[in-house]
Amino acid sequence: MDKSEHRTIVRFLTLNDYSANEIHKRMVEVYNESAPEFLTVRKWMAEFKRGCSSVEDDDPPERVPKIEDTEE
């Protein structure tokens, strides 16, 4: 199961007023070792409560190429 599927579950249960402890416990019961860590569940919950609705990873920030000093 990928992150977006886990986040979908966390989002759904958050919207249904489950606590982080309840969500994590249920996910561990079903997914065992592949369940997200408790702190990850808590972080995602906070994002959803702030109004975030996306379950996808944000695109990483674009890297600015390093300009090397070519002074001689």
PDB file of N, CA and C in Angstrom:
ATOM      1  N   MET A   1       0.852  -1.172   0.000  1.00  0.00           N
ATOM      2  CA  MET A   1       0.000   0.000   0.000  1.00  0.00           C
ATOM      3  C   MET A   1       0.900   1.238   0.000  1.00  0.00           C
ATOM      4  N   ASP A   2       0.572   2.213  -0.815  1.00  0.00           N
ATOM      5  CA  ASP A   2       1.423   3.401  -0.887  1.00  0.00           C
ATOM      6  C   ASP A   2       0.923   4.507   0.047  1.00  0.00           C
ATOM      7  N   LYS A   3       1.740   5.559   0.151  1.00  0.00           N
ATOM      8  CA  LYS A   3       1.450   6.651   1.080  1.00  0.00           C
ATOM      9  C   LYS A   3       0.094   7.290   0.834  1.00  0.00           C
ATOM     10  N   SER A   4      -0.263   7.485  -0.433  1.00  0.00           N
ATOM     11  CA  SER A   4      -1.531   8.166  -0.714  1.00  0.00           C
ATOM     12  C   SER A   4      -2.722   7.339  -0.225  1.00  0.00           C
ATOM     13  N   GLU A   5      -2.601   6.025  -0.293  1.00  0.00           N
ATOM     14  CA  GLU A   5      -3.684   5.177   0.221  1.00  0.00           C
ATOM     15  C   GLU A   5      -3.755   5.268   1.745  1.00  0.00           C
ATOM     16  N   HIS A   6      -2.608   5.263   2.411  1.00  0.00           N
ATOM     17  CA  HIS A   6      -2.595   5.430   3.864  1.00  0.00           C
ATOM     18  C   HIS A   6      -3.185   6.786   4.247  1.00  0.00           C
ATOM     19  N   ARG A   7      -2.786   7.828   3.526  1.00  0.00           N
ATOM     20  CA  ARG A   7      -3.299   9.167   3.828  1.00  0.00           C
ATOM     21  C   ARG A   7      -4.795   9.263   3.618  1.00  0.00           C
ATOM     22  N   THR A   8      -5.306   8.555   2.620  1.00  0.00           N
ATOM     23  CA  THR A   8      -6.750   8.548   2.380  1.00  0.00           C
ATOM     24  C   THR A   8      -7.470   7.984   3.596  1.00  0.00           C
ATOM     25  N   ILE A   9      -6.946   6.916   4.144  1.00  0.00           N
ATOM     26  CA  ILE A   9      -7.544   6.305   5.338  1.00  0.00           C
ATOM     27  C   ILE A   9      -7.474   7.268   6.516  1.00  0.00           C
ATOM     28  N   VAL A  10      -6.309   7.884   6.717  1.00  0.00           N
ATOM     29  CA  VAL A  10      -6.145   8.829   7.824  1.00  0.00           C
ATOM     30  C   VAL A  10      -7.099  10.005   7.648  1.00  0.00           C
ATOM     31  N   ARG A  11      -7.212  10.501   6.425  1.00  0.00           N
ATOM     32  CA  ARG A  11      -8.122  11.633   6.168  1.00  0.00           C
ATOM     33  C   ARG A  11      -9.562  11.253   6.487  1.00  0.00           C
ATOM     34  N   PHE A  12      -9.990  10.110   6.007  1.00  0.00           N
ATOM     35  CA  PHE A  12     -11.368   9.653   6.249  1.00  0.00           C
ATOM     36  C   PHE A  12     -11.646   9.523   7.747  1.00  0.00           C
ATOM     37  N   LEU A  13     -10.745   8.861   8.464  1.00  0.00           N
ATOM     38  CA  LEU A  13     -10.957   8.662   9.893  1.00  0.00           C
ATOM     39  C   LEU A  13     -10.836   9.968  10.676  1.00  0.00           C
ATOM     40  N   THR A  14      -9.983  10.883  10.214  1.00  0.00           N
ATOM     41  CA  THR A  14      -9.886  12.200  10.848  1.00  0.00           C
ATOM     42  C   THR A  14     -11.200  12.948  10.700  1.00  0.00           C
ATOM     43  N   LEU A  15     -11.770  12.906   9.503  1.00  0.00           N
ATOM     44  CA  LEU A  15     -13.053  13.577   9.264  1.00  0.00           C
ATOM     45  C   LEU A  15     -14.178  12.963  10.082  1.00  0.00           C
ATOM     46  N   ASN A  16     -13.973  11.728  10.538  1.00  0.00           N
ATOM     47  CA  ASN A  16     -14.973  11.053  11.368  1.00  0.00           C
ATOM     48  C   ASN A  16     -14.614  11.121  12.846  1.00  0.00           C
ATOM     49  N   ASP A  17     -13.747  12.073  13.198  1.00  0.00           N
ATOM     50  CA  ASP A  17     -13.385  12.388  14.593  1.00  0.00           C
ATOM     51  C   ASP A  17     -12.687  11.271  15.359  1.00  0.00           C
ATOM     52  N   TYR A  18     -11.929  10.441  14.654  1.00  0.00           N
ATOM     53  CA  TYR A  18     -11.102   9.456  15.350  1.00  0.00           C
ATOM     54  C   TYR A  18      -9.847  10.162  15.860  1.00  0.00           C
ATOM     55  N   SER A  19      -9.313   9.691  16.961  1.00  0.00           N
ATOM     56  CA  SER A  19      -8.068  10.254  17.491  1.00  0.00           C
ATOM     57  C   SER A  19      -6.882   9.628  16.752  1.00  0.00           C
ATOM     58  N   ALA A  20      -5.724  10.261  16.892  1.00  0.00           N
ATOM     59  CA  ALA A  20      -4.506   9.721  16.275  1.00  0.00           C
ATOM     60  C   ALA A  20      -4.210   8.327  16.816  1.00  0.00           C
ATOM     61  N   ASN A  21      -4.418   8.139  18.118  1.00  0.00           N
ATOM     62  CA  ASN A  21      -4.185   6.817  18.713  1.00  0.00           C
ATOM     63  C   ASN A  21      -5.101   5.762  18.102  1.00  0.00           C
ATOM     64  N   GLU A  22      -6.378   6.114  17.942  1.00  0.00           N
ATOM     65  CA  GLU A  22      -7.332   5.155  17.367  1.00  0.00           C
ATOM     66  C   GLU A  22      -6.977   4.826  15.920  1.00  0.00           C
ATOM     67  N   ILE A  23      -6.634   5.856  15.154  1.00  0.00           N
ATOM     68  CA  ILE A  23      -6.301   5.635  13.742  1.00  0.00           C
ATOM     69  C   ILE A  23      -5.060   4.746  13.627  1.00  0.00           C
ATOM     70  N   HIS A  24      -4.033   5.087  14.379  1.00  0.00           N
ATOM     71  CA  HIS A  24      -2.799   4.306  14.299  1.00  0.00           C
ATOM     72  C   HIS A  24      -3.046   2.857  14.731  1.00  0.00           C
ATOM     73  N   LYS A  25      -3.772   2.675  15.799  1.00  0.00           N
ATOM     74  CA  LYS A  25      -4.060   1.316  16.288  1.00  0.00           C
ATOM     75  C   LYS A  25      -4.788   0.501  15.229  1.00  0.00           C
ATOM     76  N   ARG A  26      -5.781   1.081  14.602  1.00  0.00           N
ATOM     77  CA  ARG A  26      -6.540   0.363  13.575  1.00  0.00           C
ATOM     78  C   ARG A  26      -5.674   0.029  12.368  1.00  0.00           C
ATOM     79  N   MET A  27      -4.812   0.975  11.985  1.00  0.00           N
ATOM     80  CA  MET A  27      -3.958   0.721  10.822  1.00  0.00           C
ATOM     81  C   MET A  27      -2.936  -0.374  11.115  1.00  0.00           C
ATOM     82  N   VAL A  28      -2.396  -0.389  12.328  1.00  0.00           N
ATOM     83  CA  VAL A  28      -1.449  -1.447  12.701  1.00  0.00           C
ATOM     84  C   VAL A  28      -2.154  -2.799  12.724  1.00  0.00           C
ATOM     85  N   GLU A  29      -3.389  -2.834  13.206  1.00  0.00           N
ATOM     86  CA  GLU A  29      -4.146  -4.098  13.237  1.00  0.00           C
ATOM     87  C   GLU A  29      -4.328  -4.665  11.830  1.00  0.00           C
ATOM     88  N   VAL A  30      -4.540  -3.788  10.860  1.00  0.00           N
ATOM     89  CA  VAL A  30      -4.810  -4.238   9.498  1.00  0.00           C
ATOM     90  C   VAL A  30      -3.527  -4.404   8.674  1.00  0.00           C
ATOM     91  N   TYR A  31      -2.613  -3.423   8.773  1.00  0.00           N
ATOM     92  CA  TYR A  31      -1.449  -3.397   7.888  1.00  0.00           C
ATOM     93  C   TYR A  31      -0.146  -3.860   8.527  1.00  0.00           C
ATOM     94  N   ASN A  32      -0.183  -4.151   9.812  1.00  0.00           N
ATOM     95  CA  ASN A  32       1.007  -4.612  10.529  1.00  0.00           C
ATOM     96  C   ASN A  32       2.199  -3.686  10.304  1.00  0.00           C
ATOM     97  N   GLU A  33       3.327  -4.250   9.845  1.00  0.00           N
ATOM     98  CA  GLU A  33       4.557  -3.464   9.687  1.00  0.00           C
ATOM     99  C   GLU A  33       4.469  -2.403   8.606  1.00  0.00           C
ATOM    100  N   SER A  34       3.538  -2.531   7.677  1.00  0.00           N
ATOM    101  CA  SER A  34       3.459  -1.536   6.603  1.00  0.00           C
ATOM    102  C   SER A  34       2.619  -0.315   6.998  1.00  0.00           C
ATOM    103  N   ALA A  35       2.084  -0.316   8.202  1.00  0.00           N
ATOM    104  CA  ALA A  35       1.323   0.845   8.674  1.00  0.00           C
ATOM    105  C   ALA A  35       2.275   2.008   8.927  1.00  0.00           C
ATOM    106  N   PRO A  36       1.799   3.236   8.722  1.00  0.00           N
ATOM    107  CA  PRO A  36       2.667   4.380   9.010  1.00  0.00           C
ATOM    108  C   PRO A  36       2.928   4.500  10.508  1.00  0.00           C
ATOM    109  N   GLU A  37       4.026   5.157  10.847  1.00  0.00           N
ATOM    110  CA  GLU A  37       4.358   5.399  12.249  1.00  0.00           C
ATOM    111  C   GLU A  37       3.313   6.316  12.882  1.00  0.00           C
ATOM    112  N   PHE A  38       3.192   6.249  14.194  1.00  0.00           N
ATOM    113  CA  PHE A  38       2.230   7.080  14.911  1.00  0.00           C
ATOM    114  C   PHE A  38       2.464   8.566  14.636  1.00  0.00           C
ATOM    115  N   LEU A  39       3.724   9.015  14.677  1.00  0.00           N
ATOM    116  CA  LEU A  39       4.010  10.433  14.450  1.00  0.00           C
ATOM    117  C   LEU A  39       3.628  10.869  13.035  1.00  0.00           C
ATOM    118  N   THR A  40       3.727   9.970  12.086  1.00  0.00           N
ATOM    119  CA  THR A  40       3.312  10.265  10.714  1.00  0.00           C
ATOM    120  C   THR A  40       1.806  10.446  10.654  1.00  0.00           C
ATOM    121  N   VAL A  41       1.077   9.570  11.314  1.00  0.00           N
ATOM    122  CA  VAL A  41      -0.388   9.689  11.369  1.00  0.00           C
ATOM    123  C   VAL A  41      -0.767  11.027  11.994  1.00  0.00           C
ATOM    124  N   ARG A  42      -0.113  11.373  13.079  1.00  0.00           N
ATOM    125  CA  ARG A  42      -0.414  12.630  13.771  1.00  0.00           C
ATOM    126  C   ARG A  42      -0.108  13.840  12.884  1.00  0.00           C
ATOM    127  N   LYS A  43       1.000  13.785  12.143  1.00  0.00           N
ATOM    128  CA  LYS A  43       1.363  14.876  11.229  1.00  0.00           C
ATOM    129  C   LYS A  43       0.316  15.028  10.126  1.00  0.00           C
ATOM    130  N   TRP A  44      -0.081  13.914   9.520  1.00  0.00           N
ATOM    131  CA  TRP A  44      -1.086  13.975   8.461  1.00  0.00           C
ATOM    132  C   TRP A  44      -2.409  14.499   8.997  1.00  0.00           C
ATOM    133  N   MET A  45      -2.786  14.060  10.193  1.00  0.00           N
ATOM    134  CA  MET A  45      -4.031  14.551  10.796  1.00  0.00           C
ATOM    135  C   MET A  45      -4.000  16.065  10.945  1.00  0.00           C
ATOM    136  N   ALA A  46      -2.891  16.589  11.422  1.00  0.00           N
ATOM    137  CA  ALA A  46      -2.760  18.040  11.609  1.00  0.00           C
ATOM    138  C   ALA A  46      -2.928  18.757  10.270  1.00  0.00           C
ATOM    139  N   GLU A  47      -2.347  18.211   9.213  1.00  0.00           N
ATOM    140  CA  GLU A  47      -2.485  18.822   7.889  1.00  0.00           C
ATOM    141  C   GLU A  47      -3.940  18.827   7.441  1.00  0.00           C
ATOM    142  N   PHE A  48      -4.626  17.709   7.637  1.00  0.00           N
ATOM    143  CA  PHE A  48      -6.029  17.630   7.226  1.00  0.00           C
ATOM    144  C   PHE A  48      -6.902  18.570   8.050  1.00  0.00           C
ATOM    145  N   LYS A  49      -6.612  18.699   9.324  1.00  0.00           N
ATOM    146  CA  LYS A  49      -7.384  19.603  10.175  1.00  0.00           C
ATOM    147  C   LYS A  49      -7.154  21.069   9.807  1.00  0.00           C
ATOM    148  N   ARG A  50      -5.978  21.380   9.230  1.00  0.00           N
ATOM    149  CA  ARG A  50      -5.686  22.741   8.769  1.00  0.00           C
ATOM    150  C   ARG A  50      -6.347  23.033   7.430  1.00  0.00           C
ATOM    151  N   GLY A  51      -6.985  22.031   6.840  1.00  0.00           N
ATOM    152  CA  GLY A  51      -7.694  22.257   5.589  1.00  0.00           C
ATOM    153  C   GLY A  51      -7.087  21.618   4.365  1.00  0.00           C
ATOM    154  N   CYS A  52      -5.941  20.990   4.514  1.00  0.00           N
ATOM    155  CA  CYS A  52      -5.335  20.291   3.385  1.00  0.00           C
ATOM    156  C   CYS A  52      -6.242  19.124   3.000  1.00  0.00           C
ATOM    157  N   SER A  53      -6.474  18.962   1.705  1.00  0.00           N
ATOM    158  CA  SER A  53      -7.317  17.839   1.292  1.00  0.00           C
ATOM    159  C   SER A  53      -6.585  16.867   0.372  1.00  0.00           C
ATOM    160  N   SER A  54      -5.367  17.222  -0.018  1.00  0.00           N
ATOM    161  CA  SER A  54      -4.602  16.362  -0.910  1.00  0.00           C
ATOM    162  C   SER A  54      -3.989  15.192  -0.143  1.00  0.00           C
ATOM    163  N   VAL A  55      -4.057  14.031  -0.750  1.00  0.00           N
ATOM    164  CA  VAL A  55      -3.434  12.849  -0.151  1.00  0.00           C
ATOM    165  C   VAL A  55      -2.160  12.471  -0.904  1.00  0.00           C
ATOM    166  N   GLU A  56      -1.803  13.279  -1.893  1.00  0.00           N
ATOM    167  CA  GLU A  56      -0.601  13.034  -2.688  1.00  0.00           C
ATOM    168  C   GLU A  56       0.586  13.763  -2.076  1.00  0.00           C
ATOM    169  N   ASP A  57       1.796  13.271  -2.374  1.00  0.00           N
ATOM    170  CA  ASP A  57       3.012  13.955  -1.958  1.00  0.00           C
ATOM    171  C   ASP A  57       3.103  15.283  -2.691  1.00  0.00           C
ATOM    172  N   ASP A  58       3.570  16.300  -1.981  1.00  0.00           N
ATOM    173  CA  ASP A  58       3.849  17.568  -2.648  1.00  0.00           C
ATOM    174  C   ASP A  58       5.050  17.369  -3.541  1.00  0.00           C
ATOM    175  N   ASP A  59       5.080  18.123  -4.642  1.00  0.00           N
ATOM    176  CA  ASP A  59       6.259  18.078  -5.499  1.00  0.00           C
ATOM    177  C   ASP A  59       7.434  18.657  -4.728  1.00  0.00           C
ATOM    178  N   PRO A  60       8.587  18.055  -4.853  1.00  0.00           N
ATOM    179  CA  PRO A  60       9.752  18.602  -4.157  1.00  0.00           C
ATOM    180  C   PRO A  60      10.084  19.984  -4.725  1.00  0.00           C
ATOM    181  N   PRO A  61      10.629  20.856  -3.887  1.00  0.00           N
ATOM    182  CA  PRO A  61      10.978  22.180  -4.401  1.00  0.00           C
ATOM    183  C   PRO A  61      12.028  22.064  -5.495  1.00  0.00           C
ATOM    184  N   GLU A  62      11.914  22.959  -6.470  1.00  0.00           N
ATOM    185  CA  GLU A  62      12.887  22.912  -7.558  1.00  0.00           C
ATOM    186  C   GLU A  62      14.246  23.313  -7.032  1.00  0.00           C
ATOM    187  N   ARG A  63      15.247  22.592  -7.470  1.00  0.00           N
ATOM    188  CA  ARG A  63      16.602  22.889  -7.044  1.00  0.00           C
ATOM    189  C   ARG A  63      17.205  23.906  -8.003  1.00  0.00           C
ATOM    190  N   VAL A  64      17.835  24.870  -7.436  1.00  0.00           N
ATOM    191  CA  VAL A  64      18.541  25.861  -8.246  1.00  0.00           C
ATOM    192  C   VAL A  64      19.941  25.331  -8.487  1.00  0.00           C
ATOM    193  N   PRO A  65      20.343  25.272  -9.758  1.00  0.00           N
ATOM    194  CA  PRO A  65      21.681  24.739 -10.018  1.00  0.00           C
ATOM    195  C   PRO A  65      22.744  25.620  -9.376  1.00  0.00           C
ATOM    196  N   LYS A  66      23.724  24.966  -8.840  1.00  0.00           N
ATOM    197  CA  LYS A  66      24.828  25.673  -8.196  1.00  0.00           C
ATOM    198  C   LYS A  66      25.727  26.264  -9.276  1.00  0.00           C
ATOM    199  N   ILE A  67      26.014  27.536  -9.122  1.00  0.00           N
ATOM    200  CA  ILE A  67      26.892  28.204 -10.065  1.00  0.00           C
ATOM    201  C   ILE A  67      28.288  28.196  -9.456  1.00  0.00           C
ATOM    202  N   GLU A  68      29.193  27.575 -10.177  1.00  0.00           N
ATOM    203  CA  GLU A  68      30.545  27.472  -9.666  1.00  0.00           C
ATOM    204  C   GLU A  68      31.337  28.733  -9.991  1.00  0.00           C
ATOM    205  N   ASP A  69      32.173  29.110  -9.064  1.00  0.00           N
ATOM    206  CA  ASP A  69      33.042  30.248  -9.268  1.00  0.00           C
ATOM    207  C   ASP A  69      34.192  29.825 -10.163  1.00  0.00           C
ATOM    208  N   THR A  70      34.266  30.429 -11.342  1.00  0.00           N
ATOM    209  CA  THR A  70      35.301  30.027 -12.302  1.00  0.00           C
ATOM    210  C   THR A  70      36.366  31.102 -12.450  1.00  0.00           C
ATOM    211  N   GLU A  71      36.473  31.960 -11.444  1.00  0.00           N
ATOM    212  CA  GLU A  71      37.496  32.998 -11.489  1.00  0.00           C
ATOM    213  C   GLU A  71      38.874  32.374 -11.469  1.00  0.00           C
ATOM    214  N   GLU A  72      39.761  32.931 -12.284  1.00  0.00           N
ATOM    215  CA  GLU A  72      41.128  32.402 -12.326  1.00  0.00           C
ATOM    216  C   GLU A  72      42.113  33.357 -11.751  1.00  0.00           C
TER     217      GLU A  72
END
